[in-house]
């Protein structure tokens, strides 16, 4: 049963990875006297992805305040 679900997912992915370009002047006829609005280039192409993968970066370690105070005190003693 899992194999069937995986195959369906793969088929869905294969169908979703394509772009459709439709010229905006073919979609709607403007009324007389109306000025066309030219959309930004990014809206002319519709891309659909079935999955989005997010990669997390490594966490940054912040020491507790007590360690920071000790480090500052140590630094002032050496100077």
C-alpha atoms as a PDB file:
ATOM      1  CA  UNK A   1       0.000   0.000   0.000  1.00  0.00           C
ATOM      2  CA  UNK A   2       2.892   2.384   0.785  1.00  0.00           C
ATOM      3  CA  UNK A   3       4.392   1.679  -2.646  1.00  0.00           C
ATOM      4  CA  UNK A   4       1.137   2.760  -4.299  1.00  0.00           C
ATOM      5  CA  UNK A   5       1.125   6.011  -2.296  1.00  0.00           C
ATOM      6  CA  UNK A   6       4.774   6.678  -3.204  1.00  0.00           C
ATOM      7  CA  UNK A   7       4.031   6.066  -6.892  1.00  0.00           C
ATOM      8  CA  UNK A   8       1.099   8.484  -6.725  1.00  0.00           C
ATOM      9  CA  UNK A   9       3.343  11.081  -5.057  1.00  0.00           C
ATOM     10  CA  UNK A  10       6.002  10.620  -7.758  1.00  0.00           C
ATOM     11  CA  UNK A  11       3.388  10.968 -10.505  1.00  0.00           C
ATOM     12  CA  UNK A  12       2.066  14.104  -8.825  1.00  0.00           C
ATOM     13  CA  UNK A  13       5.589  15.524  -8.599  1.00  0.00           C
ATOM     14  CA  UNK A  14       6.242  14.777 -12.248  1.00  0.00           C
ATOM     15  CA  UNK A  15       3.056  16.566 -13.259  1.00  0.00           C
ATOM     16  CA  UNK A  16       3.713  19.554 -10.977  1.00  0.00           C
ATOM     17  CA  UNK A  17       7.229  20.373 -12.229  1.00  0.00           C
ATOM     18  CA  UNK A  18       6.346  22.428 -15.283  1.00  0.00           C
ATOM     19  CA  UNK A  19       5.720  26.050 -16.180  1.00  0.00           C
ATOM     20  CA  UNK A  20       2.745  27.496 -18.032  1.00  0.00           C
ATOM     21  CA  UNK A  21       3.140  30.764 -19.900  1.00  0.00           C
ATOM     22  CA  UNK A  22      -0.020  32.528 -21.062  1.00  0.00           C
ATOM     23  CA  UNK A  23       0.386  35.896 -22.796  1.00  0.00           C
ATOM     24  CA  UNK A  24      -1.694  38.431 -20.864  1.00  0.00           C
ATOM     25  CA  UNK A  25      -3.060  40.043 -24.035  1.00  0.00           C
ATOM     26  CA  UNK A  26      -4.829  36.783 -24.925  1.00  0.00           C
ATOM     27  CA  UNK A  27      -6.613  36.436 -21.588  1.00  0.00           C
ATOM     28  CA  UNK A  28      -8.944  39.459 -21.580  1.00  0.00           C
ATOM     29  CA  UNK A  29     -10.007  42.069 -24.106  1.00  0.00           C
ATOM     30  CA  UNK A  30      -9.756  45.530 -22.586  1.00  0.00           C
ATOM     31  CA  UNK A  31     -12.675  47.960 -22.874  1.00  0.00           C
ATOM     32  CA  UNK A  32     -12.173  50.928 -25.192  1.00  0.00           C
ATOM     33  CA  UNK A  33     -10.077  53.676 -23.629  1.00  0.00           C
ATOM     34  CA  UNK A  34      -8.606  51.424 -20.951  1.00  0.00           C
ATOM     35  CA  UNK A  35      -4.840  51.306 -20.597  1.00  0.00           C
ATOM     36  CA  UNK A  36      -3.216  47.888 -20.134  1.00  0.00           C
ATOM     37  CA  UNK A  37      -1.298  47.271 -16.919  1.00  0.00           C
ATOM     38  CA  UNK A  38       1.963  45.397 -17.486  1.00  0.00           C
ATOM     39  CA  UNK A  39       2.616  43.018 -14.590  1.00  0.00           C
ATOM     40  CA  UNK A  40       6.153  42.399 -13.328  1.00  0.00           C
ATOM     41  CA  UNK A  41       7.997  39.618 -15.191  1.00  0.00           C
ATOM     42  CA  UNK A  42       7.715  37.232 -12.246  1.00  0.00           C
ATOM     43  CA  UNK A  43       3.921  37.038 -12.638  1.00  0.00           C
ATOM     44  CA  UNK A  44       4.100  35.934 -16.282  1.00  0.00           C
ATOM     45  CA  UNK A  45       5.314  32.445 -15.354  1.00  0.00           C
ATOM     46  CA  UNK A  46       3.462  30.198 -12.925  1.00  0.00           C
ATOM     47  CA  UNK A  47       5.628  27.491 -11.366  1.00  0.00           C
ATOM     48  CA  UNK A  48       4.036  24.915  -9.081  1.00  0.00           C
ATOM     49  CA  UNK A  49       6.093  22.725  -6.772  1.00  0.00           C
ATOM     50  CA  UNK A  50       4.573  19.862  -4.833  1.00  0.00           C
ATOM     51  CA  UNK A  51       7.150  19.887  -2.027  1.00  0.00           C
ATOM     52  CA  UNK A  52       9.295  22.565  -0.427  1.00  0.00           C
ATOM     53  CA  UNK A  53      12.410  21.396   1.407  1.00  0.00           C
ATOM     54  CA  UNK A  54      13.787  23.652   4.129  1.00  0.00           C
ATOM     55  CA  UNK A  55      17.342  23.104   5.313  1.00  0.00           C
ATOM     56  CA  UNK A  56      18.001  24.283   8.841  1.00  0.00           C
ATOM     57  CA  UNK A  57      21.295  25.911   9.726  1.00  0.00           C
ATOM     58  CA  UNK A  58      23.332  24.939  12.767  1.00  0.00           C
ATOM     59  CA  UNK A  59      22.215  26.537  16.022  1.00  0.00           C
ATOM     60  CA  UNK A  60      24.412  29.236  17.542  1.00  0.00           C
ATOM     61  CA  UNK A  61      25.397  28.704  21.178  1.00  0.00           C
ATOM     62  CA  UNK A  62      24.950  31.663  23.503  1.00  0.00           C
ATOM     63  CA  UNK A  63      26.537  31.121  26.938  1.00  0.00           C
ATOM     64  CA  UNK A  64      24.479  31.979  30.040  1.00  0.00           C
ATOM     65  CA  UNK A  65      24.964  35.462  31.498  1.00  0.00           C
ATOM     66  CA  UNK A  66      26.980  34.068  34.416  1.00  0.00           C
ATOM     67  CA  UNK A  67      29.632  32.755  32.028  1.00  0.00           C
ATOM     68  CA  UNK A  68      29.742  36.083  30.196  1.00  0.00           C
ATOM     69  CA  UNK A  69      30.263  37.990  33.476  1.00  0.00           C
ATOM     70  CA  UNK A  70      33.028  35.573  34.509  1.00  0.00           C
ATOM     71  CA  UNK A  71      34.737  35.977  31.130  1.00  0.00           C
ATOM     72  CA  UNK A  72      34.607  39.783  31.386  1.00  0.00           C
ATOM     73  CA  UNK A  73      36.035  39.675  34.915  1.00  0.00           C
ATOM     74  CA  UNK A  74      38.802  37.351  33.755  1.00  0.00           C
ATOM     75  CA  UNK A  75      39.637  39.655  30.834  1.00  0.00           C
ATOM     76  CA  UNK A  76      39.937  42.698  33.115  1.00  0.00           C
ATOM     77  CA  UNK A  77      42.273  40.804  35.486  1.00  0.00           C
ATOM     78  CA  UNK A  78      44.691  39.965  32.672  1.00  0.00           C
ATOM     79  CA  UNK A  79      44.935  43.539  31.435  1.00  0.00           C
END
